[in-house]
Amino acid sequence: MPKKILTGKVIRNKTDKTITVLIERKYQHPLYNKIIKSRKKYHAHDENNKFNVGDIVSIEETKPISKIKKFKVIEVLK
């Protein structure tokens, strides 16, 4: 099974070696055909603490690093 790769915005970087990334996606409701926005926060591993709030990053699913971290940062896009 391929690993999930998600793109989102860093909204928090205060914890050591961890960032919080907000992922927004749009999808169409199957019955009402309305476009719905969905938001979800993911905690991602940042080994060197080099990402700041406002950066657009790409994160990849990995084996669990801690109780809440199951993603790691691949690259910064902006």
Protein backbone atom coordinates (compact mmCIF):
# COMPACT_ATOMS: atom_id res chain seq x y z
CA MET A 1 0.00 0.00 0.00
CA PRO A 2 1.49 3.40 -0.97
CA LYS A 3 2.26 5.99 1.67
CA LYS A 4 0.01 9.05 1.94
CA ILE A 5 1.61 12.32 0.86
CA LEU A 6 -0.25 15.45 1.97
CA THR A 7 0.39 19.16 1.44
CA GLY A 8 -0.54 21.78 3.99
CA LYS A 9 0.38 24.85 5.99
CA VAL A 10 2.41 24.85 9.22
CA ILE A 11 0.25 26.39 11.96
CA ARG A 12 2.35 25.59 15.05
CA ASN A 13 6.01 24.80 15.72
CA LYS A 14 6.44 25.33 19.47
CA THR A 15 7.00 21.71 20.48
CA ASP A 16 10.47 20.20 20.11
CA LYS A 17 10.99 18.31 16.81
CA THR A 18 7.26 18.53 15.99
CA ILE A 19 5.14 20.76 13.78
CA THR A 20 1.39 20.89 13.36
CA VAL A 21 0.19 20.98 9.76
CA LEU A 22 -3.31 22.03 8.68
CA ILE A 23 -4.58 20.09 5.65
CA GLU A 24 -7.58 21.52 3.77
CA ARG A 25 -9.45 19.55 1.15
CA LYS A 26 -12.60 20.08 -0.88
CA TYR A 27 -15.01 17.38 -1.93
CA GLN A 28 -18.51 17.15 -3.32
CA HIS A 29 -21.30 15.76 -1.16
CA PRO A 30 -22.62 12.58 -2.82
CA LEU A 31 -26.32 13.37 -2.39
CA TYR A 32 -26.61 17.16 -2.20
CA ASN A 33 -23.79 17.95 -4.69
CA LYS A 34 -22.56 20.79 -2.50
CA ILE A 35 -18.82 21.51 -2.33
CA ILE A 36 -17.65 20.98 1.25
CA LYS A 37 -14.38 22.18 2.79
CA SER A 38 -12.77 19.84 5.28
CA ARG A 39 -9.86 20.68 7.60
CA LYS A 40 -7.70 18.34 9.62
CA LYS A 41 -4.58 18.83 11.73
CA TYR A 42 -1.65 16.42 11.62
CA HIS A 43 1.46 16.35 13.81
CA ALA A 44 4.63 15.77 11.79
CA HIS A 45 8.22 15.02 12.76
CA ASP A 46 10.71 17.87 12.15
CA GLU A 47 14.16 16.58 13.13
CA ASN A 48 16.07 19.89 12.98
CA ASN A 49 13.31 22.34 13.99
CA LYS A 50 13.81 24.24 10.72
CA PHE A 51 10.17 24.85 9.67
CA ASN A 52 8.31 27.99 10.69
CA VAL A 53 4.67 29.01 10.97
CA GLY A 54 3.25 29.84 7.54
CA ASP A 55 5.46 27.48 5.52
CA ILE A 56 3.76 25.25 2.96
CA VAL A 57 5.14 21.74 3.46
CA SER A 58 4.68 18.25 2.12
CA ILE A 59 4.36 15.43 4.69
CA GLU A 60 4.59 11.66 4.26
CA GLU A 61 3.06 8.86 6.31
CA THR A 62 5.57 6.76 8.28
CA LYS A 63 5.60 4.22 11.07
CA PRO A 64 4.50 5.75 14.39
CA ILE A 65 7.22 7.99 15.82
CA SER A 66 5.31 8.76 19.01
CA LYS A 67 1.76 8.57 20.34
CA ILE A 68 0.50 11.39 18.06
CA LYS A 69 3.14 11.57 15.29
CA LYS A 70 2.68 9.33 12.28
CA PHE A 71 3.98 11.69 9.57
CA LYS A 72 7.37 13.21 8.72
CA VAL A 73 8.20 16.29 6.67
CA ILE A 74 9.54 15.63 3.19
CA GLU A 75 10.15 19.12 1.84
CA VAL A 76 9.15 22.76 2.08
CA LEU A 77 7.27 24.07 -0.95
CA LYS A 78 7.10 27.78 -0.05
